PDB file of N, CA and C in Angstrom:
ATOM      1  N   UNK A   1       0.796  -1.217   0.193  1.00  0.00           N
ATOM      2  CA  UNK A   1       0.142  -0.098   0.034  1.00  0.00           C
ATOM      3  C   UNK A   1       0.945   1.314  -0.302  1.00  0.00           C
ATOM      4  N   UNK A   2       0.441   2.329  -0.647  1.00  0.00           N
ATOM      5  CA  UNK A   2       1.204   3.431  -0.591  1.00  0.00           C
ATOM      6  C   UNK A   2       0.361   4.588  -0.552  1.00  0.00           C
ATOM      7  N   UNK A   3       0.903   5.258   0.543  1.00  0.00           N
ATOM      8  CA  UNK A   3      -0.008   6.534   0.985  1.00  0.00           C
ATOM      9  C   UNK A   3       1.085   7.709   0.727  1.00  0.00           C
ATOM     10  N   UNK A   4       0.832   8.898   0.410  1.00  0.00           N
ATOM     11  CA  UNK A   4       1.735  10.275   0.590  1.00  0.00           C
ATOM     12  C   UNK A   4       1.636  11.205   1.414  1.00  0.00           C
ATOM     13  N   UNK A   5       2.576  11.571   2.109  1.00  0.00           N
ATOM     14  CA  UNK A   5       2.563  12.638   2.975  1.00  0.00           C
ATOM     15  C   UNK A   5       3.298  13.725   2.441  1.00  0.00           C
ATOM     16  N   UNK A   6       2.788  14.938   1.994  1.00  0.00           N
ATOM     17  CA  UNK A   6       3.351  15.789   0.875  1.00  0.00           C
ATOM     18  C   UNK A   6       3.962  14.932  -0.099  1.00  0.00           C
ATOM     19  N   UNK A   7       5.192  15.379  -0.280  1.00  0.00           N
ATOM     20  CA  UNK A   7       5.969  14.511  -1.723  1.00  0.00           C
ATOM     21  C   UNK A   7       6.672  13.404  -1.262  1.00  0.00           C
ATOM     22  N   UNK A   8       6.399  12.849   0.049  1.00  0.00           N
ATOM     23  CA  UNK A   8       7.111  11.818   0.299  1.00  0.00           C
ATOM     24  C   UNK A   8       6.139  10.486   0.212  1.00  0.00           C
ATOM     25  N   UNK A   9       6.655   9.551  -0.356  1.00  0.00           N
ATOM     26  CA  UNK A   9       6.040   8.282  -0.362  1.00  0.00           C
ATOM     27  C   UNK A   9       6.173   7.494   0.833  1.00  0.00           C
ATOM     28  N   UNK A  10       4.999   7.002   1.583  1.00  0.00           N
ATOM     29  CA  UNK A  10       4.873   6.263   2.632  1.00  0.00           C
ATOM     30  C   UNK A  10       4.358   4.625   2.493  1.00  0.00           C
ATOM     31  N   UNK A  11       5.102   3.597   2.464  1.00  0.00           N
ATOM     32  CA  UNK A  11       4.796   2.281   2.066  1.00  0.00           C
ATOM     33  C   UNK A  11       4.477   1.549   3.130  1.00  0.00           C
ATOM     34  N   UNK A  12       3.595   0.857   2.985  1.00  0.00           N
ATOM     35  CA  UNK A  12       3.150  -0.062   4.001  1.00  0.00           C
ATOM     36  C   UNK A  12       2.874  -1.484   3.539  1.00  0.00           C
ATOM     37  N   UNK A  13       4.102  -2.199   3.795  1.00  0.00           N
ATOM     38  CA  UNK A  13       4.376  -3.579   3.286  1.00  0.00           C
ATOM     39  C   UNK A  13       4.107  -4.888   4.368  1.00  0.00           C
ATOM     40  N   UNK A  14       3.471  -5.802   3.556  1.00  0.00           N
ATOM     41  CA  UNK A  14       2.914  -6.866   4.618  1.00  0.00           C
ATOM     42  C   UNK A  14       3.488  -8.110   3.926  1.00  0.00           C
ATOM     43  N   UNK A  15       4.567  -8.568   4.639  1.00  0.00           N
ATOM     44  CA  UNK A  15       5.368  -9.857   4.268  1.00  0.00           C
ATOM     45  C   UNK A  15       4.585 -11.040   4.563  1.00  0.00           C
ATOM     46  N   UNK A  16       4.663 -12.181   3.850  1.00  0.00           N
ATOM     47  CA  UNK A  16       3.904 -13.133   4.079  1.00  0.00           C
ATOM     48  C   UNK A  16       3.859 -13.707   5.417  1.00  0.00           C
ATOM     49  N   UNK A  17       5.032 -13.684   6.138  1.00  0.00           N
ATOM     50  CA  UNK A  17       4.930 -14.228   7.530  1.00  0.00           C
ATOM     51  C   UNK A  17       5.342 -12.986   8.183  1.00  0.00           C
ATOM     52  N   UNK A  18       4.792 -12.983   9.448  1.00  0.00           N
ATOM     53  CA  UNK A  18       4.696 -11.643  10.676  1.00  0.00           C
ATOM     54  C   UNK A  18       4.098 -10.300  10.275  1.00  0.00           C
ATOM     55  N   UNK A  19       4.341  -9.600  10.906  1.00  0.00           N
ATOM     56  CA  UNK A  19       3.810  -8.364  11.029  1.00  0.00           C
ATOM     57  C   UNK A  19       4.177  -7.361   9.653  1.00  0.00           C
ATOM     58  N   UNK A  20       3.570  -5.984   9.707  1.00  0.00           N
ATOM     59  CA  UNK A  20       3.792  -5.357   8.668  1.00  0.00           C
ATOM     60  C   UNK A  20       4.990  -3.929   8.877  1.00  0.00           C
ATOM     61  N   UNK A  21       5.322  -3.418   8.089  1.00  0.00           N
ATOM     62  CA  UNK A  21       6.448  -2.466   8.167  1.00  0.00           C
ATOM     63  C   UNK A  21       6.008  -1.280   7.466  1.00  0.00           C
ATOM     64  N   UNK A  22       6.020  -0.126   7.963  1.00  0.00           N
ATOM     65  CA  UNK A  22       5.824   1.214   7.491  1.00  0.00           C
ATOM     66  C   UNK A  22       7.371   1.833   7.034  1.00  0.00           C
ATOM     67  N   UNK A  23       7.357   2.214   5.650  1.00  0.00           N
ATOM     68  CA  UNK A  23       8.579   2.778   5.208  1.00  0.00           C
ATOM     69  C   UNK A  23       8.376   4.120   4.790  1.00  0.00           C
ATOM     70  N   UNK A  24       9.188   5.027   5.053  1.00  0.00           N
ATOM     71  CA  UNK A  24       8.835   6.654   4.461  1.00  0.00           C
ATOM     72  C   UNK A  24      10.282   6.438   3.491  1.00  0.00           C
ATOM     73  N   UNK A  25      10.092   7.181   2.342  1.00  0.00           N
ATOM     74  CA  UNK A  25      10.710   7.206   1.196  1.00  0.00           C
ATOM     75  C   UNK A  25      10.934   8.601   1.262  1.00  0.00           C
ATOM     76  N   UNK A  26      12.504   8.991   0.809  1.00  0.00           N
ATOM     77  CA  UNK A  26      12.639  10.548   0.454  1.00  0.00           C
ATOM     78  C   UNK A  26      12.331  10.820  -0.625  1.00  0.00           C
ATOM     79  N   UNK A  27      11.741  12.364  -0.916  1.00  0.00           N
ATOM     80  CA  UNK A  27      11.260  12.840  -2.251  1.00  0.00           C
ATOM     81  C   UNK A  27      12.217  12.707  -3.374  1.00  0.00           C
ATOM     82  N   UNK A  28      13.376  11.984  -3.322  1.00  0.00           N
ATOM     83  CA  UNK A  28      14.332  11.461  -4.288  1.00  0.00           C
ATOM     84  C   UNK A  28      13.619  10.296  -4.972  1.00  0.00           C
ATOM     85  N   UNK A  29      12.830   9.608  -3.919  1.00  0.00           N
ATOM     86  CA  UNK A  29      12.051   8.195  -4.514  1.00  0.00           C
ATOM     87  C   UNK A  29      13.183   7.030  -4.678  1.00  0.00           C
ATOM     88  N   UNK A  30      14.227   7.266  -4.111  1.00  0.00           N
ATOM     89  CA  UNK A  30      15.458   6.251  -3.655  1.00  0.00           C
ATOM     90  C   UNK A  30      15.784   5.953  -2.436  1.00  0.00           C
ATOM     91  N   UNK A  31      15.779   6.905  -1.527  1.00  0.00           N
ATOM     92  CA  UNK A  31      16.397   7.123  -0.220  1.00  0.00           C
ATOM     93  C   UNK A  31      15.426   6.567   0.809  1.00  0.00           C
ATOM     94  N   UNK A  32      15.640   5.445   1.598  1.00  0.00           N
ATOM     95  CA  UNK A  32      14.741   5.385   2.786  1.00  0.00           C
ATOM     96  C   UNK A  32      15.089   6.241   4.127  1.00  0.00           C
ATOM     97  N   UNK A  33      13.976   7.116   4.335  1.00  0.00           N
ATOM     98  CA  UNK A  33      14.302   7.833   5.432  1.00  0.00           C
ATOM     99  C   UNK A  33      14.291   7.128   6.927  1.00  0.00           C
ATOM    100  N   UNK A  34      13.182   6.320   6.937  1.00  0.00           N
ATOM    101  CA  UNK A  34      12.949   5.365   8.160  1.00  0.00           C
ATOM    102  C   UNK A  34      12.105   4.326   7.852  1.00  0.00           C
ATOM    103  N   UNK A  35      11.790   3.591   8.961  1.00  0.00           N
ATOM    104  CA  UNK A  35      11.152   2.241   8.938  1.00  0.00           C
ATOM    105  C   UNK A  35      10.535   2.416  10.447  1.00  0.00           C
ATOM    106  N   UNK A  36       9.411   1.630  10.358  1.00  0.00           N
ATOM    107  CA  UNK A  36       8.339   1.275  11.678  1.00  0.00           C
ATOM    108  C   UNK A  36       7.994  -0.328  11.478  1.00  0.00           C
ATOM    109  N   UNK A  37       8.440  -1.052  12.196  1.00  0.00           N
ATOM    110  CA  UNK A  37       8.318  -2.376  12.087  1.00  0.00           C
ATOM    111  C   UNK A  37       7.324  -2.646  13.203  1.00  0.00           C
ATOM    112  N   UNK A  38       6.705  -3.919  13.388  1.00  0.00           N
ATOM    113  CA  UNK A  38       5.939  -4.284  14.442  1.00  0.00           C
ATOM    114  C   UNK A  38       4.490  -3.991  14.227  1.00  0.00           C
ATOM    115  N   UNK A  39       4.154  -3.492  13.249  1.00  0.00           N
ATOM    116  CA  UNK A  39       2.751  -3.310  12.827  1.00  0.00           C
ATOM    117  C   UNK A  39       1.939  -4.488  12.572  1.00  0.00           C
ATOM    118  N   UNK A  40       0.804  -4.767  12.710  1.00  0.00           N
ATOM    119  CA  UNK A  40       0.026  -6.125  12.547  1.00  0.00           C
ATOM    120  C   UNK A  40      -0.074  -6.190  11.090  1.00  0.00           C
ATOM    121  N   UNK A  41      -0.401  -7.404  10.613  1.00  0.00           N
ATOM    122  CA  UNK A  41      -0.396  -7.716   9.300  1.00  0.00           C
ATOM    123  C   UNK A  41      -1.758  -6.845   8.592  1.00  0.00           C
ATOM    124  N   UNK A  42      -1.248  -5.650   7.975  1.00  0.00           N
ATOM    125  CA  UNK A  42      -1.676  -4.457   7.321  1.00  0.00           C
ATOM    126  C   UNK A  42      -2.792  -4.947   6.155  1.00  0.00           C
ATOM    127  N   UNK A  43      -3.974  -4.327   5.985  1.00  0.00           N
ATOM    128  CA  UNK A  43      -4.723  -4.599   5.138  1.00  0.00           C
ATOM    129  C   UNK A  43      -5.341  -3.377   4.308  1.00  0.00           C
ATOM    130  N   UNK A  44      -5.273  -2.180   4.909  1.00  0.00           N
ATOM    131  CA  UNK A  44      -5.389  -1.070   4.426  1.00  0.00           C
ATOM    132  C   UNK A  44      -4.900   0.064   5.128  1.00  0.00           C
ATOM    133  N   UNK A  45      -4.468   1.349   4.598  1.00  0.00           N
ATOM    134  CA  UNK A  45      -3.979   2.641   5.055  1.00  0.00           C
ATOM    135  C   UNK A  45      -4.327   3.678   4.420  1.00  0.00           C
ATOM    136  N   UNK A  46      -4.300   4.972   5.458  1.00  0.00           N
ATOM    137  CA  UNK A  46      -4.701   6.138   4.938  1.00  0.00           C
ATOM    138  C   UNK A  46      -3.978   6.987   5.925  1.00  0.00           C
ATOM    139  N   UNK A  47      -3.925   8.038   5.009  1.00  0.00           N
ATOM    140  CA  UNK A  47      -3.340   9.497   5.748  1.00  0.00           C
ATOM    141  C   UNK A  47      -4.299  10.384   6.320  1.00  0.00           C
ATOM    142  N   UNK A  48      -4.642  10.782   7.635  1.00  0.00           N
ATOM    143  CA  UNK A  48      -5.380  11.872   8.172  1.00  0.00           C
ATOM    144  C   UNK A  48      -4.336  13.045   8.664  1.00  0.00           C
ATOM    145  N   UNK A  49      -4.299  14.096   8.129  1.00  0.00           N
ATOM    146  CA  UNK A  49      -3.280  14.924   8.599  1.00  0.00           C
ATOM    147  C   UNK A  49      -1.899  14.363   8.790  1.00  0.00           C
ATOM    148  N   UNK A  50      -1.272  14.447   9.843  1.00  0.00           N
ATOM    149  CA  UNK A  50       0.335  13.774   9.876  1.00  0.00           C
ATOM    150  C   UNK A  50       0.067  12.476  10.534  1.00  0.00           C
ATOM    151  N   UNK A  51      -0.930  11.660  10.515  1.00  0.00           N
ATOM    152  CA  UNK A  51      -0.968  10.605  11.100  1.00  0.00           C
ATOM    153  C   UNK A  51      -1.681   9.259   9.934  1.00  0.00           C
ATOM    154  N   UNK A  52      -0.698   8.298   9.854  1.00  0.00           N
ATOM    155  CA  UNK A  52      -1.186   7.208   9.318  1.00  0.00           C
ATOM    156  C   UNK A  52      -1.954   6.333   9.926  1.00  0.00           C
ATOM    157  N   UNK A  53      -3.189   6.123   9.561  1.00  0.00           N
ATOM    158  CA  UNK A  53      -3.972   4.988  10.074  1.00  0.00           C
ATOM    159  C   UNK A  53      -3.745   3.849   9.327  1.00  0.00           C
ATOM    160  N   UNK A  54      -3.216   2.719   9.921  1.00  0.00           N
ATOM    161  CA  UNK A  54      -3.113   1.188   9.239  1.00  0.00           C
ATOM    162  C   UNK A  54      -3.890   0.263   9.946  1.00  0.00           C
ATOM    163  N   UNK A  55      -5.000  -0.196   9.126  1.00  0.00           N
ATOM    164  CA  UNK A  55      -5.826  -1.234   9.472  1.00  0.00           C
ATOM    165  C   UNK A  55      -5.146  -2.752   9.635  1.00  0.00           C
ATOM    166  N   UNK A  56      -5.353  -3.420  10.198  1.00  0.00           N
ATOM    167  CA  UNK A  56      -4.782  -4.963  10.160  1.00  0.00           C
ATOM    168  C   UNK A  56      -6.163  -6.069   9.870  1.00  0.00           C
ATOM    169  N   UNK A  57      -5.859  -6.757   9.228  1.00  0.00           N
ATOM    170  CA  UNK A  57      -6.732  -7.866   8.685  1.00  0.00           C
ATOM    171  C   UNK A  57      -6.130  -9.065   9.413  1.00  0.00           C
ATOM    172  N   UNK A  58      -6.516  -9.410  10.509  1.00  0.00           N
ATOM    173  CA  UNK A  58      -6.021 -10.810  11.193  1.00  0.00           C
ATOM    174  C   UNK A  58      -6.043 -12.008  10.424  1.00  0.00           C
ATOM    175  N   UNK A  59      -5.087 -12.810  10.512  1.00  0.00           N
ATOM    176  CA  UNK A  59      -5.048 -13.992   9.812  1.00  0.00           C
ATOM    177  C   UNK A  59      -5.726 -15.237  10.528  1.00  0.00           C
ATOM    178  N   UNK A  60      -6.182 -14.869  11.799  1.00  0.00           N
ATOM    179  CA  UNK A  60      -6.695 -15.619  12.837  1.00  0.00           C
ATOM    180  C   UNK A  60      -8.196 -15.209  12.806  1.00  0.00           C
ATOM    181  N   UNK A  61      -9.345 -15.842  12.424  1.00  0.00           N
ATOM    182  CA  UNK A  61     -10.460 -15.486  12.260  1.00  0.00           C
ATOM    183  C   UNK A  61     -11.207 -14.875  13.842  1.00  0.00           C
ATOM    184  N   UNK A  62     -10.350 -15.754  14.609  1.00  0.00           N
ATOM    185  CA  UNK A  62     -10.991 -15.567  16.063  1.00  0.00           C
ATOM    186  C   UNK A  62     -10.602 -14.144  16.931  1.00  0.00           C
ATOM    187  N   UNK A  63      -9.759 -13.324  16.120  1.00  0.00           N
ATOM    188  CA  UNK A  63      -9.127 -12.462  16.556  1.00  0.00           C
ATOM    189  C   UNK A  63      -9.741 -10.935  15.839  1.00  0.00           C
ATOM    190  N   UNK A  64      -9.665 -10.280  16.693  1.00  0.00           N
ATOM    191  CA  UNK A  64     -10.410  -8.753  16.081  1.00  0.00           C
ATOM    192  C   UNK A  64      -9.328  -7.917  15.380  1.00  0.00           C
ATOM    193  N   UNK A  65      -9.956  -7.247  14.343  1.00  0.00           N
ATOM    194  CA  UNK A  65      -8.955  -6.433  13.589  1.00  0.00           C
ATOM    195  C   UNK A  65      -8.423  -5.098  14.311  1.00  0.00           C
ATOM    196  N   UNK A  66      -7.693  -4.115  13.893  1.00  0.00           N
ATOM    197  CA  UNK A  66      -6.986  -3.275  14.805  1.00  0.00           C
ATOM    198  C   UNK A  66      -6.693  -1.998  13.839  1.00  0.00           C
ATOM    199  N   UNK A  67      -6.891  -1.089  14.451  1.00  0.00           N
ATOM    200  CA  UNK A  67      -6.644   0.026  13.806  1.00  0.00           C
ATOM    201  C   UNK A  67      -5.128   0.924  14.653  1.00  0.00           C
ATOM    202  N   UNK A  68      -4.158   1.018  13.850  1.00  0.00           N
ATOM    203  CA  UNK A  68      -2.675   1.517  14.246  1.00  0.00           C
ATOM    204  C   UNK A  68      -2.946   3.106  13.945  1.00  0.00           C
ATOM    205  N   UNK A  69      -2.431   3.971  14.839  1.00  0.00           N
ATOM    206  CA  UNK A  69      -2.376   5.452  14.423  1.00  0.00           C
ATOM    207  C   UNK A  69      -0.739   5.573  14.731  1.00  0.00           C
ATOM    208  N   UNK A  70      -0.191   6.090  13.385  1.00  0.00           N
ATOM    209  CA  UNK A  70       1.120   6.431  13.730  1.00  0.00           C
ATOM    210  C   UNK A  70       1.533   7.673  13.236  1.00  0.00           C
ATOM    211  N   UNK A  71       2.244   8.268  14.018  1.00  0.00           N
ATOM    212  CA  UNK A  71       2.582   9.916  14.037  1.00  0.00           C
ATOM    213  C   UNK A  71       3.724   9.903  12.961  1.00  0.00           C
ATOM    214  N   UNK A  72       3.370  10.794  11.758  1.00  0.00           N
ATOM    215  CA  UNK A  72       4.236  11.003  10.711  1.00  0.00           C
ATOM    216  C   UNK A  72       4.640  12.569  10.803  1.00  0.00           C
ATOM    217  N   UNK A  73       4.495  13.057  11.955  1.00  0.00           N
ATOM    218  CA  UNK A  73       4.976  14.602  12.141  1.00  0.00           C
ATOM    219  C   UNK A  73       6.665  14.333  11.545  1.00  0.00           C
ATOM    220  N   UNK A  74       7.355  13.600  12.354  1.00  0.00           N
ATOM    221  CA  UNK A  74       8.755  13.825  12.157  1.00  0.00           C
ATOM    222  C   UNK A  74       9.239  12.479  11.090  1.00  0.00           C
ATOM    223  N   UNK A  75       9.060  12.522   9.715  1.00  0.00           N
ATOM    224  CA  UNK A  75       9.162  11.388   8.899  1.00  0.00           C
ATOM    225  C   UNK A  75      10.419  10.692   9.078  1.00  0.00           C
ATOM    226  N   UNK A  76      11.786  11.231   9.836  1.00  0.00           N
ATOM    227  CA  UNK A  76      12.867  10.362  10.224  1.00  0.00           C
ATOM    228  C   UNK A  76      12.525   9.604  11.366  1.00  0.00           C
ATOM    229  N   UNK A  77      11.599   9.579  12.012  1.00  0.00           N
ATOM    230  CA  UNK A  77      11.203   9.262  13.282  1.00  0.00           C
ATOM    231  C   UNK A  77       9.606   8.747  13.603  1.00  0.00           C
ATOM    232  N   UNK A  78       8.989   8.075  12.545  1.00  0.00           N
ATOM    233  CA  UNK A  78       7.596   7.589  12.733  1.00  0.00           C
ATOM    234  C   UNK A  78       7.240   6.855  14.169  1.00  0.00           C
ATOM    235  N   UNK A  79       6.360   7.003  14.942  1.00  0.00           N
ATOM    236  CA  UNK A  79       6.174   6.202  15.926  1.00  0.00           C
ATOM    237  C   UNK A  79       4.584   6.068  16.091  1.00  0.00           C
ATOM    238  N   UNK A  80       4.591   4.779  16.346  1.00  0.00           N
ATOM    239  CA  UNK A  80       2.843   4.369  16.980  1.00  0.00           C
ATOM    240  C   UNK A  80       2.146   5.192  17.979  1.00  0.00           C
ATOM    241  N   UNK A  81       1.510   5.688  17.829  1.00  0.00           N
ATOM    242  CA  UNK A  81       0.877   6.486  19.057  1.00  0.00           C
ATOM    243  C   UNK A  81      -0.234   5.744  19.880  1.00  0.00           C
ATOM    244  N   UNK A  82      -1.235   4.783  19.224  1.00  0.00           N
ATOM    245  CA  UNK A  82      -2.147   4.269  19.707  1.00  0.00           C
ATOM    246  C   UNK A  82      -2.553   3.166  18.779  1.00  0.00           C
ATOM    247  N   UNK A  83      -3.450   2.236  19.408  1.00  0.00           N
ATOM    248  CA  UNK A  83      -3.846   1.386  18.516  1.00  0.00           C
ATOM    249  C   UNK A  83      -5.440   0.980  19.288  1.00  0.00           C
ATOM    250  N   UNK A  84      -6.406   0.769  18.171  1.00  0.00           N
ATOM    251  CA  UNK A  84      -7.937   0.502  18.578  1.00  0.00           C
ATOM    252  C   UNK A  84      -8.583  -0.811  18.229  1.00  0.00           C
ATOM    253  N   UNK A  85      -8.654  -1.687  19.070  1.00  0.00           N
ATOM    254  CA  UNK A  85      -9.299  -2.886  18.423  1.00  0.00           C
ATOM    255  C   UNK A  85     -10.793  -2.586  17.782  1.00  0.00           C
ATOM    256  N   UNK A  86     -11.328  -3.291  16.731  1.00  0.00           N
ATOM    257  CA  UNK A  86     -12.390  -3.194  16.248  1.00  0.00           C
ATOM    258  C   UNK A  86     -13.134  -4.632  16.178  1.00  0.00           C
ATOM    259  N   UNK A  87     -14.610  -4.459  16.149  1.00  0.00           N
ATOM    260  CA  UNK A  87     -15.292  -5.615  16.407  1.00  0.00           C
ATOM    261  C   UNK A  87     -15.576  -6.216  14.711  1.00  0.00           C
ATOM    262  N   UNK A  88     -14.346  -6.264  14.174  1.00  0.00           N
ATOM    263  CA  UNK A  88     -14.462  -7.089  12.983  1.00  0.00           C
ATOM    264  C   UNK A  88     -13.341  -7.981  12.934  1.00  0.00           C
ATOM    265  N   UNK A  89     -13.103  -8.493  11.909  1.00  0.00           N
ATOM    266  CA  UNK A  89     -12.262  -9.755  11.447  1.00  0.00           C
ATOM    267  C   UNK A  89     -11.446  -9.289  10.704  1.00  0.00           C
ATOM    268  N   UNK A  90     -11.678  -8.385   9.741  1.00  0.00           N
ATOM    269  CA  UNK A  90     -10.934  -8.054   8.512  1.00  0.00           C
ATOM    270  C   UNK A  90     -11.470  -6.967   8.025  1.00  0.00           C
ATOM    271  N   UNK A  91     -10.225  -5.915   7.669  1.00  0.00           N
ATOM    272  CA  UNK A  91     -10.884  -4.628   7.016  1.00  0.00           C
ATOM    273  C   UNK A  91     -10.131  -4.567   5.770  1.00  0.00           C
ATOM    274  N   UNK A  92     -11.121  -4.024   4.705  1.00  0.00           N
ATOM    275  CA  UNK A  92     -10.484  -4.109   3.271  1.00  0.00           C
ATOM    276  C   UNK A  92     -10.501  -2.634   2.666  1.00  0.00           C
ATOM    277  N   UNK A  93     -10.977  -1.531   3.469  1.00  0.00           N
ATOM    278  CA  UNK A  93     -10.778  -0.336   2.734  1.00  0.00           C
ATOM    279  C   UNK A  93     -11.089   0.549   4.215  1.00  0.00           C
ATOM    280  N   UNK A  94     -10.469   1.879   3.857  1.00  0.00           N
ATOM    281  CA  UNK A  94     -10.587   2.887   4.790  1.00  0.00           C
ATOM    282  C   UNK A  94     -11.008   4.280   3.938  1.00  0.00           C
ATOM    283  N   UNK A  95     -12.054   5.091   4.401  1.00  0.00           N
ATOM    284  CA  UNK A  95     -12.437   6.041   3.873  1.00  0.00           C
ATOM    285  C   UNK A  95     -12.392   7.183   4.497  1.00  0.00           C
ATOM    286  N   UNK A  96     -11.942   8.473   4.393  1.00  0.00           N
ATOM    287  CA  UNK A  96     -12.137   9.687   5.168  1.00  0.00           C
ATOM    288  C   UNK A  96     -12.979  10.842   4.715  1.00  0.00           C
ATOM    289  N   UNK A  97     -13.552  11.401   5.595  1.00  0.00           N
ATOM    290  CA  UNK A  97     -14.157  12.698   5.206  1.00  0.00           C
ATOM    291  C   UNK A  97     -13.361  13.575   6.097  1.00  0.00           C
ATOM    292  N   UNK A  98     -14.183  15.024   5.896  1.00  0.00           N
ATOM    293  CA  UNK A  98     -13.580  15.936   7.042  1.00  0.00           C
ATOM    294  C   UNK A  98     -13.716  15.700   8.464  1.00  0.00           C
ATOM    295  N   UNK A  99     -14.486  14.987   8.813  1.00  0.00           N
ATOM    296  CA  UNK A  99     -14.991  14.744  10.129  1.00  0.00           C
ATOM    297  C   UNK A  99     -14.976  13.136  10.484  1.00  0.00           C
ATOM    298  N   UNK A 100     -14.885  12.247   9.632  1.00  0.00           N
ATOM    299  CA  UNK A 100     -15.192  10.929   9.865  1.00  0.00           C
ATOM    300  C   UNK A 100     -14.236   9.933   9.195  1.00  0.00           C
ATOM    301  N   UNK A 101     -14.042   8.682   9.857  1.00  0.00           N
ATOM    302  CA  UNK A 101     -13.507   7.694   9.301  1.00  0.00           C
ATOM    303  C   UNK A 101     -14.224   6.508   8.865  1.00  0.00           C
ATOM    304  N   UNK A 102     -14.505   6.135   7.825  1.00  0.00           N
ATOM    305  CA  UNK A 102     -15.194   4.816   7.667  1.00  0.00           C
ATOM    306  C   UNK A 102     -14.558   3.541   7.368  1.00  0.00           C
ATOM    307  N   UNK A 103     -14.483   2.702   8.017  1.00  0.00           N
ATOM    308  CA  UNK A 103     -13.797   1.322   7.929  1.00  0.00           C
ATOM    309  C   UNK A 103     -14.865   0.318   7.294  1.00  0.00           C
ATOM    310  N   UNK A 104     -14.336  -0.289   6.047  1.00  0.00           N
ATOM    311  CA  UNK A 104     -15.252  -1.335   5.408  1.00  0.00           C
ATOM    312  C   UNK A 104     -14.576  -2.664   5.528  1.00  0.00           C
ATOM    313  N   UNK A 105     -15.400  -3.504   5.878  1.00  0.00           N
ATOM    314  CA  UNK A 105     -14.831  -4.896   5.900  1.00  0.00           C
ATOM    315  C   UNK A 105     -15.898  -6.072   6.384  1.00  0.00           C
ATOM    316  N   UNK A 106     -15.287  -7.141   7.170  1.00  0.00           N
ATOM    317  CA  UNK A 106     -15.925  -8.073   7.739  1.00  0.00           C
ATOM    318  C   UNK A 106     -16.098  -7.803   8.977  1.00  0.00           C
ATOM    319  N   UNK A 107     -17.434  -7.438   9.358  1.00  0.00           N
ATOM    320  CA  UNK A 107     -18.035  -7.565  10.855  1.00  0.00           C
ATOM    321  C   UNK A 107     -18.289  -8.811  11.560  1.00  0.00           C
ATOM    322  N   UNK A 108     -17.850  -9.120  12.989  1.00  0.00           N
ATOM    323  CA  UNK A 108     -18.222 -10.115  13.544  1.00  0.00           C
ATOM    324  C   UNK A 108     -19.875 -10.563  13.422  1.00  0.00           C
ATOM    325  N   UNK A 109     -19.888 -11.615  13.460  1.00  0.00           N
ATOM    326  CA  UNK A 109     -21.292 -12.124  13.603  1.00  0.00           C
ATOM    327  C   UNK A 109     -21.746 -12.624  14.833  1.00  0.00           C
ATOM    328  N   UNK A 110     -22.996 -12.755  15.060  1.00  0.00           N
ATOM    329  CA  UNK A 110     -23.603 -13.112  16.565  1.00  0.00           C
ATOM    330  C   UNK A 110     -22.887 -14.393  17.042  1.00  0.00           C
ATOM    331  N   UNK A 111     -22.371 -13.882  18.086  1.00  0.00           N
ATOM    332  CA  UNK A 111     -21.703 -15.209  18.934  1.00  0.00           C
ATOM    333  C   UNK A 111     -20.321 -15.434  18.726  1.00  0.00           C
ATOM    334  N   UNK A 112     -19.849 -14.628  17.895  1.00  0.00           N
ATOM    335  CA  UNK A 112     -18.312 -14.663  17.325  1.00  0.00           C
ATOM    336  C   UNK A 112     -17.625 -13.904  18.531  1.00  0.00           C
ATOM    337  N   UNK A 113     -16.359 -14.384  18.978  1.00  0.00           N
ATOM    338  CA  UNK A 113     -15.521 -13.598  20.106  1.00  0.00           C
ATOM    339  C   UNK A 113     -15.440 -12.152  19.568  1.00  0.00           C
ATOM    340  N   UNK A 114     -15.371 -11.353  20.702  1.00  0.00           N
ATOM    341  CA  UNK A 114     -14.816  -9.857  20.067  1.00  0.00           C
ATOM    342  C   UNK A 114     -13.298  -9.695  19.765  1.00  0.00           C
TER     343      UNK A 114
END
């Protein structure tokens, strides 16, 4: 996934095993400015002001999905600010308006664990 903060591309990659990595590329499009490892398996990402919102789609259907909030104010030192669990098992898309964030994905059914 690729999101842009000004002229700087921010990539969120999801390897086959393990968690995801957020990588900030310099505006020359060749130099890596910084990396943030340890995000869960990302399935969608969006930029809201100076924060990246990264949604995880869990590989285990008994785990809930999660939104990680990553501060991109200092592109050389991104840091995860917080994370929010969602009553979902997977997130496919994130949409934003001026005041709202819409999360589209697979909701938990009745009787499913939160």
